[in-house]
Every structure is written in structure tokens, then in C-alpha cells.
N, C-alpha and C. Protein backbone atom coordinates (compact mmCIF):
# COMPACT_ATOMS: atom_id res chain seq x y z
N UNK A 1 1.06 -1.24 0.17
CA UNK A 1 -0.26 -0.31 -0.04
C UNK A 1 0.68 1.24 -0.07
N UNK A 2 0.61 2.10 -0.74
CA UNK A 2 0.93 3.49 -0.40
C UNK A 2 0.51 4.33 -0.32
N UNK A 3 0.83 5.29 0.67
CA UNK A 3 0.29 6.16 1.84
C UNK A 3 0.84 7.92 1.53
N UNK A 4 -0.02 8.51 1.69
CA UNK A 4 0.59 9.81 1.55
C UNK A 4 -0.12 10.53 2.82
N UNK A 5 0.58 10.51 3.58
CA UNK A 5 0.54 11.57 4.95
C UNK A 5 0.87 13.26 4.88
N UNK A 6 -0.43 13.44 5.24
CA UNK A 6 -0.06 15.30 5.24
C UNK A 6 -0.52 15.55 6.63
N UNK A 7 0.44 17.01 6.92
CA UNK A 7 0.80 17.25 7.82
C UNK A 7 0.89 18.70 8.02
N UNK A 8 0.93 20.02 8.57
CA UNK A 8 1.76 21.23 8.34
C UNK A 8 3.02 21.19 8.27
N UNK A 9 3.44 21.76 7.30
CA UNK A 9 5.14 21.97 7.17
C UNK A 9 5.24 23.54 7.29
N UNK A 10 4.79 24.05 6.65
CA UNK A 10 5.05 26.21 6.44
C UNK A 10 4.15 26.64 7.35
N UNK A 11 2.74 26.37 7.82
CA UNK A 11 1.98 26.38 8.78
C UNK A 11 2.65 26.27 10.08
N UNK A 12 2.93 25.60 10.64
CA UNK A 12 3.48 25.54 11.58
C UNK A 12 3.90 23.82 12.01
N UNK A 13 5.37 23.95 12.83
CA UNK A 13 5.76 22.72 12.74
C UNK A 13 5.46 22.07 14.33
N UNK A 14 4.40 22.68 15.33
CA UNK A 14 4.34 22.57 16.43
C UNK A 14 4.36 21.19 16.81
N UNK A 15 3.49 19.93 15.64
CA UNK A 15 3.64 18.57 15.73
C UNK A 15 4.26 17.72 14.98
N UNK A 16 5.74 18.56 14.65
CA UNK A 16 6.23 17.76 13.71
C UNK A 16 6.56 16.15 14.46
N UNK A 17 7.05 16.18 15.62
CA UNK A 17 7.42 14.91 16.13
C UNK A 17 6.30 13.86 16.22
N UNK A 18 4.99 14.59 16.43
CA UNK A 18 3.68 13.44 16.18
C UNK A 18 3.44 13.19 14.77
N UNK A 19 3.96 13.71 13.81
CA UNK A 19 4.14 13.60 12.53
C UNK A 19 4.78 12.52 12.38
N UNK A 20 5.86 12.33 13.03
CA UNK A 20 7.12 11.18 13.14
C UNK A 20 6.65 10.09 13.57
N UNK A 21 6.07 10.22 14.57
CA UNK A 21 5.09 8.82 15.09
C UNK A 21 4.04 8.44 14.46
N UNK A 22 3.46 9.31 13.90
CA UNK A 22 2.22 8.74 12.84
C UNK A 22 2.77 8.00 11.72
N UNK A 23 3.75 8.59 11.30
CA UNK A 23 4.52 7.88 9.64
C UNK A 23 5.24 6.53 10.01
N UNK A 24 5.64 6.85 11.29
CA UNK A 24 6.85 5.35 12.00
C UNK A 24 5.26 4.35 12.04
N UNK A 25 4.22 4.82 12.48
CA UNK A 25 3.19 3.72 12.59
C UNK A 25 2.77 3.35 11.39
N UNK A 26 2.44 4.42 10.13
CA UNK A 26 1.57 3.70 8.90
C UNK A 26 2.44 3.44 8.31
N UNK A 27 3.83 3.59 8.51
CA UNK A 27 4.80 2.19 7.50
C UNK A 27 4.85 0.87 8.06
N UNK A 28 4.11 0.44 8.79
CA UNK A 28 3.95 -1.21 9.08
C UNK A 28 2.81 -1.32 8.08
N UNK A 29 2.04 -0.51 7.29
CA UNK A 29 1.04 -0.76 6.43
C UNK A 29 1.45 -0.73 4.97
N UNK A 30 2.80 -0.18 4.61
CA UNK A 30 3.24 0.09 3.16
C UNK A 30 3.95 1.18 3.25
N UNK A 31 4.45 1.43 2.13
CA UNK A 31 5.08 2.49 1.81
C UNK A 31 4.78 4.38 2.21
N UNK A 32 5.36 4.85 3.08
CA UNK A 32 4.64 6.25 3.42
C UNK A 32 5.27 7.12 2.81
N UNK A 33 4.98 7.77 1.58
CA UNK A 33 5.51 8.37 0.28
C UNK A 33 5.56 9.63 0.67
N UNK A 34 5.24 10.60 1.80
CA UNK A 34 5.75 11.16 2.63
C UNK A 34 6.59 11.55 3.40
N UNK A 35 7.26 10.34 3.91
CA UNK A 35 8.20 10.50 5.54
C UNK A 35 8.62 11.99 5.44
N UNK A 36 9.28 12.32 4.58
CA UNK A 36 9.71 13.85 4.96
C UNK A 36 8.92 14.76 5.99
N UNK A 37 7.74 14.65 5.91
CA UNK A 37 6.76 15.43 6.78
C UNK A 37 7.67 15.63 8.40
N UNK A 38 7.65 14.24 8.41
CA UNK A 38 7.64 13.99 10.04
C UNK A 38 9.43 13.97 10.41
N UNK A 39 10.24 14.50 9.09
CA UNK A 39 11.38 14.03 9.52
C UNK A 39 12.24 15.21 9.20
N UNK A 40 12.70 16.41 10.23
CA UNK A 40 13.00 17.61 10.02
C UNK A 40 14.48 17.71 9.36
N UNK A 41 15.10 16.55 9.34
CA UNK A 41 16.48 16.35 8.30
C UNK A 41 15.99 16.30 7.31
N UNK A 42 15.15 15.74 6.51
CA UNK A 42 14.55 15.41 5.35
C UNK A 42 14.05 16.60 4.98
N UNK A 43 12.91 17.41 5.60
CA UNK A 43 12.71 18.70 5.54
C UNK A 43 13.86 20.19 5.11
N UNK A 44 14.73 19.67 5.92
CA UNK A 44 15.80 20.81 5.37
C UNK A 44 16.54 20.46 4.12
N UNK A 45 16.60 19.08 3.97
CA UNK A 45 17.39 18.46 2.69
C UNK A 45 16.01 19.29 1.19
N UNK A 46 15.10 18.87 1.73
CA UNK A 46 13.91 19.64 0.89
C UNK A 46 14.43 20.95 -0.07
N UNK A 47 14.62 21.90 0.91
CA UNK A 47 14.96 23.19 0.55
C UNK A 47 15.77 23.48 -0.67
N UNK A 48 16.26 22.58 -1.05
CA UNK A 48 17.10 22.47 -2.23
C UNK A 48 16.47 22.30 -3.53
N UNK A 49 14.92 21.75 -3.32
CA UNK A 49 14.13 21.93 -4.46
C UNK A 49 12.89 23.47 -4.48
N UNK A 50 12.89 24.02 -5.79
CA UNK A 50 12.12 24.69 -5.80
C UNK A 50 10.87 24.59 -5.57
N UNK A 51 9.99 25.58 -5.41
CA UNK A 51 8.19 25.54 -4.62
C UNK A 51 7.58 24.52 -5.97
N UNK A 52 8.26 24.67 -7.24
CA UNK A 52 7.44 24.04 -8.50
C UNK A 52 7.98 22.28 -8.75
N UNK A 53 9.23 22.42 -8.01
CA UNK A 53 9.52 21.01 -7.95
C UNK A 53 9.04 20.30 -7.00
N UNK A 54 8.58 20.96 -5.62
CA UNK A 54 7.83 20.17 -4.67
C UNK A 54 6.48 19.90 -5.06
N UNK A 55 5.81 21.11 -5.77
CA UNK A 55 4.67 20.76 -5.92
C UNK A 55 4.55 19.55 -7.09
N UNK A 56 5.17 19.53 -7.89
CA UNK A 56 4.95 18.27 -9.26
C UNK A 56 5.30 16.98 -8.43
N UNK A 57 6.53 16.73 -7.28
CA UNK A 57 6.74 15.43 -6.68
C UNK A 57 5.08 15.01 -5.62
N UNK A 58 4.69 16.34 -4.96
CA UNK A 58 3.96 15.76 -4.42
C UNK A 58 3.08 15.05 -4.99
N UNK A 59 2.31 16.24 -6.21
CA UNK A 59 1.48 15.39 -6.82
C UNK A 59 1.67 14.09 -7.72
N UNK A 60 2.60 13.89 -7.94
CA UNK A 60 3.09 13.14 -8.38
C UNK A 60 3.16 11.52 -7.36
N UNK A 61 3.31 11.91 -5.76
CA UNK A 61 3.18 10.95 -4.65
C UNK A 61 1.70 10.66 -4.53
N UNK A 62 0.92 12.04 -4.71
CA UNK A 62 -0.86 11.73 -4.27
C UNK A 62 -1.14 11.05 -5.42
N UNK A 63 -0.66 11.09 -6.60
CA UNK A 63 -1.55 10.01 -7.81
C UNK A 63 -0.85 8.73 -7.06
N UNK A 64 0.02 8.17 -7.11
CA UNK A 64 0.34 7.35 -6.57
C UNK A 64 -0.21 6.30 -5.50
N UNK A 65 -0.49 7.56 -4.78
CA UNK A 65 -1.48 7.00 -3.14
C UNK A 65 -2.49 6.05 -3.36
N UNK A 66 -2.74 5.15 -2.50
CA UNK A 66 -3.81 4.55 -2.24
C UNK A 66 -4.54 5.04 -1.32
N UNK A 67 -4.08 5.97 -0.32
CA UNK A 67 -4.76 6.68 0.69
C UNK A 67 -4.25 7.52 1.28
N UNK A 68 -4.83 8.38 1.67
CA UNK A 68 -4.35 9.75 2.30
C UNK A 68 -4.70 9.70 3.66
N UNK A 69 -3.65 9.78 4.70
CA UNK A 69 -3.88 10.54 5.82
C UNK A 69 -3.56 11.28 6.63
N UNK A 70 -4.34 12.67 6.73
CA UNK A 70 -4.13 13.83 7.23
C UNK A 70 -3.76 14.23 8.94
N UNK A 71 -2.95 14.56 9.54
CA UNK A 71 -3.18 15.41 10.52
C UNK A 71 -3.73 16.84 10.68
N UNK A 72 -4.35 16.86 10.86
CA UNK A 72 -4.87 18.35 10.11
C UNK A 72 -5.52 19.58 11.72
N UNK A 73 -4.72 19.12 13.02
CA UNK A 73 -4.99 20.00 14.20
C UNK A 73 -4.62 21.63 13.68
N UNK A 74 -3.35 21.24 13.00
CA UNK A 74 -2.41 22.99 12.91
C UNK A 74 -2.83 23.19 11.21
N UNK A 75 -3.73 24.24 11.31
CA UNK A 75 -4.10 24.82 9.80
C UNK A 75 -3.10 24.92 8.96
N UNK A 76 -3.54 24.41 7.62
CA UNK A 76 -2.56 24.30 6.82
C UNK A 76 -3.21 24.61 5.58
N UNK A 77 -2.66 25.59 4.14
CA UNK A 77 -3.08 25.73 3.21
C UNK A 77 -3.03 24.87 2.17
N UNK A 78 -1.65 23.98 2.33
CA UNK A 78 -1.36 22.77 1.38
C UNK A 78 -1.85 22.00 2.08
N UNK A 79 -2.29 21.14 3.16
CA UNK A 79 -3.03 19.81 3.60
C UNK A 79 -4.36 20.16 3.02
N UNK A 80 -5.07 21.30 3.19
CA UNK A 80 -5.99 21.84 2.60
C UNK A 80 -6.16 21.47 1.10
N UNK A 81 -5.40 21.81 0.25
CA UNK A 81 -5.40 21.83 -1.05
C UNK A 81 -4.86 20.03 -1.55
N UNK A 82 -3.91 19.58 -0.86
CA UNK A 82 -3.68 18.14 -0.81
C UNK A 82 -5.35 17.07 -0.65
N UNK A 83 -5.76 17.83 0.53
CA UNK A 83 -7.04 16.95 0.91
C UNK A 83 -8.15 16.89 -0.25
N UNK A 84 -8.09 18.30 -0.64
CA UNK A 84 -9.10 18.37 -2.32
C UNK A 84 -9.00 17.83 -3.23
N UNK A 85 -7.45 17.75 -3.47
CA UNK A 85 -6.80 16.89 -4.72
C UNK A 85 -7.13 15.68 -4.37
N UNK A 86 -6.64 14.95 -3.60
CA UNK A 86 -7.06 13.61 -2.87
C UNK A 86 -8.53 13.26 -3.29
N UNK A 87 -9.30 13.74 -2.90
CA UNK A 87 -10.82 14.06 -2.97
C UNK A 87 -11.36 13.58 -4.67
N UNK A 88 -10.89 14.68 -5.29
CA UNK A 88 -11.12 14.75 -6.42
C UNK A 88 -10.61 13.59 -7.40
N UNK A 89 -9.34 12.96 -6.85
CA UNK A 89 -8.83 11.80 -7.42
C UNK A 89 -9.58 10.52 -6.67
N UNK A 90 -10.37 10.52 -6.18
CA UNK A 90 -10.92 9.28 -5.48
C UNK A 90 -10.14 8.84 -4.44
N UNK A 91 -9.45 9.37 -3.59
CA UNK A 91 -8.72 8.51 -2.71
C UNK A 91 -9.57 8.58 -1.54
N UNK A 92 -9.25 7.37 -0.70
CA UNK A 92 -9.72 7.45 0.75
C UNK A 92 -9.13 8.41 1.37
N UNK A 93 -9.57 8.59 2.05
CA UNK A 93 -9.03 10.04 3.02
C UNK A 93 -9.25 9.95 4.33
N UNK A 94 -8.59 10.01 5.23
CA UNK A 94 -8.42 10.22 7.04
C UNK A 94 -8.33 11.26 7.50
N UNK A 95 -8.74 12.36 8.20
CA UNK A 95 -8.53 13.15 8.98
C UNK A 95 -8.64 12.90 10.25
N UNK A 96 -7.23 13.39 10.95
CA UNK A 96 -7.05 13.37 12.53
C UNK A 96 -6.54 14.72 12.81
N UNK A 97 -7.64 15.07 14.22
CA UNK A 97 -7.80 16.01 14.69
C UNK A 97 -7.99 16.15 16.51
N UNK A 98 -7.18 17.10 16.83
CA UNK A 98 -7.13 16.52 18.46
C UNK A 98 -7.86 18.04 18.93
N UNK A 99 -8.96 17.76 19.13
CA UNK A 99 -9.41 19.02 19.94
C UNK A 99 -8.72 19.70 21.11
N UNK A 100 -8.94 21.30 21.47
CA UNK A 100 -8.58 21.59 22.30
C UNK A 100 -8.83 23.17 22.61
N UNK A 101 -8.59 24.02 23.42
CA UNK A 101 -9.00 25.13 23.64
C UNK A 101 -8.10 26.20 22.36
N UNK A 102 -9.22 26.83 21.62
CA UNK A 102 -8.68 27.66 20.41
C UNK A 102 -8.70 26.96 19.15
N UNK A 103 -8.74 25.38 19.37
CA UNK A 103 -8.85 25.26 17.93
C UNK A 103 -10.27 24.56 17.29
N UNK A 104 -10.20 25.13 16.17
CA UNK A 104 -11.24 24.39 15.64
C UNK A 104 -11.45 23.83 14.34
N UNK A 105 -11.84 22.60 13.95
CA UNK A 105 -11.87 22.03 12.69
C UNK A 105 -12.48 22.81 11.65
N UNK A 106 -11.86 23.23 10.47
CA UNK A 106 -12.49 23.81 9.34
C UNK A 106 -14.08 22.71 8.74
N UNK A 107 -14.74 23.99 8.39
CA UNK A 107 -16.32 22.98 8.25
C UNK A 107 -15.99 22.28 6.82
N UNK A 108 -15.06 22.60 6.00
CA UNK A 108 -14.46 22.00 5.08
C UNK A 108 -14.29 20.43 4.70
N UNK A 109 -13.95 20.63 6.15
CA UNK A 109 -13.04 19.11 6.30
C UNK A 109 -14.02 18.61 7.27
N UNK A 110 -14.68 19.03 8.24
CA UNK A 110 -15.48 18.13 9.08
C UNK A 110 -16.75 17.88 8.82
N UNK A 111 -17.00 18.75 7.62
CA UNK A 111 -18.32 18.58 7.16
C UNK A 111 -18.64 17.71 5.79
N UNK A 112 -17.20 17.38 5.33
CA UNK A 112 -17.39 16.85 3.82
C UNK A 112 -17.43 15.31 4.36
N UNK A 113 -18.60 14.39 3.99
CA UNK A 113 -19.05 13.26 4.26
C UNK A 113 -17.70 12.20 3.59
N UNK A 114 -17.09 12.75 2.69
CA UNK A 114 -16.13 11.78 1.81
C UNK A 114 -15.11 11.06 2.43
N UNK A 115 -14.47 12.33 3.88
CA UNK A 115 -13.84 12.05 4.64
C UNK A 115 -13.76 11.38 5.89
N UNK A 116 -13.39 10.74 6.26
CA UNK A 116 -13.30 9.79 7.18
C UNK A 116 -12.48 10.93 8.41
N UNK A 117 -13.17 11.65 9.75
CA UNK A 117 -12.49 12.38 10.14
C UNK A 117 -12.86 12.26 11.51
N UNK A 118 -12.16 11.80 12.61
CA UNK A 118 -12.03 11.23 13.64
C UNK A 118 -11.02 12.36 14.44
N UNK A 119 -11.57 12.62 15.92
CA UNK A 119 -10.79 13.38 16.98
C UNK A 119 -10.04 12.09 17.96
N UNK A 120 -9.06 12.69 18.08
CA UNK A 120 -8.34 12.39 19.21
C UNK A 120 -7.66 13.26 20.53
N UNK A 121 -7.14 11.88 21.56
CA UNK A 121 -6.32 13.12 22.42
C UNK A 121 -4.84 12.80 22.50
N UNK A 122 -4.31 11.52 21.78
CA UNK A 122 -2.95 10.51 22.25
C UNK A 122 -2.33 9.79 21.16
N UNK A 123 -1.45 9.72 21.07
CA UNK A 123 -1.00 8.65 19.75
C UNK A 123 -1.53 8.00 19.61
N UNK A 124 -1.75 6.74 21.03
CA UNK A 124 -2.27 5.48 21.12
C UNK A 124 -3.77 5.89 20.55
N UNK A 125 -4.56 6.40 20.69
CA UNK A 125 -5.88 6.78 20.21
C UNK A 125 -5.83 6.66 18.72
N UNK A 126 -4.67 8.02 17.94
CA UNK A 126 -4.84 7.76 16.58
C UNK A 126 -4.59 6.73 16.24
N UNK A 127 -3.71 5.82 16.58
CA UNK A 127 -3.03 4.53 16.22
C UNK A 127 -4.40 3.75 15.84
N UNK A 128 -5.32 3.35 16.79
CA UNK A 128 -6.02 2.94 16.82
C UNK A 128 -6.84 3.58 15.79
N UNK A 129 -7.36 4.40 15.57
CA UNK A 129 -8.14 4.79 14.91
C UNK A 129 -7.57 4.45 13.25
N UNK A 130 -6.35 5.01 13.18
CA UNK A 130 -5.62 4.39 11.83
C UNK A 130 -5.82 2.81 11.19
N UNK A 131 -5.68 2.17 12.14
CA UNK A 131 -5.80 0.50 12.24
C UNK A 131 -7.40 0.22 11.90
N UNK A 132 -8.12 0.82 12.26
CA UNK A 132 -9.67 0.70 11.88
C UNK A 132 -10.08 1.18 10.42
N UNK A 133 -9.17 2.69 10.01
CA UNK A 133 -9.50 3.16 8.56
C UNK A 133 -8.95 1.93 7.42
N UNK A 134 -7.66 1.43 7.79
CA UNK A 134 -7.15 0.97 6.89
C UNK A 134 -7.39 -0.53 6.86
N UNK A 135 -8.08 -1.04 7.81
CA UNK A 135 -9.05 -2.75 7.97
C UNK A 135 -9.89 -2.74 7.14
N UNK A 136 -10.55 -1.34 7.33
CA UNK A 136 -11.67 -1.51 6.16
C UNK A 136 -11.28 -0.82 4.59
N UNK A 137 -11.09 -2.04 4.14
CA UNK A 137 -10.34 -1.45 2.90
C UNK A 137 -11.24 -1.99 1.63
């Protein structure tokens, strides 16, 4: 299985470590095409690419992906764009959100019945939700 993981990069890196843990968990199911999202060393190497190269690469990976799993707690224009493109491509999409003070999930995500949107509080809950989503093939 090819998995596209989406998480905020330019919108804020406060959850970067969490992204790494989610990507490590997802890798037991297949190839995570976007492992750089959870790895600051790989992200630094990405700075050598132009924005057009990043866009082309990521759209290619999204086309190859069987599913998209997005951590959407930190708002991100890029993640929102990837979600829309994944929907247009007919991909299965899971969005993970950690509710908390000052955090509101966009209605465009929360109200989309084509996305599996799940709230969680910790990595164990997120992994259980991912298990259920990926098992429902």
C-alpha cells in the first residue's frame, strides 16, 4: 500500500514529532511516500528544491497513493489543497484532529462526508483509529 501522509509544514511545525510517530506507525502498512513531513532532517534537504519541484513531486506521490492520512490539527493551506485533490482523485481520506482550547476544525473538512474525520487525544488513540481505517479496505 502507498500512503500519503499530510501534515503542516509551513503552517507550523509544533506537531512535527507527532507526525514522525504517525508516519512510523503507518509504515507498518506500506510505503509512506511523504516521510519527510515527520523528519526535520529530510525537510531541510527539501530546501534544495524549488516550489515547482515540490509541487510536481507531491502531486506525483498523491497520484500514486492508495490512501491519504492527514493530521489536521494545525491549519495548513497545503494540507487543505492536498485533501481537495485527493478527493477529486477518488482517494480514501482520513483526517485526524486533536480538539482543544482555541482549536476549531474547518467546516470544509468536518462537514465532508467523503472524509473519515476522527478526533483523538494521544498517539495511541490515533493509531487505533488508523488501524480501523486501514482495515476497512
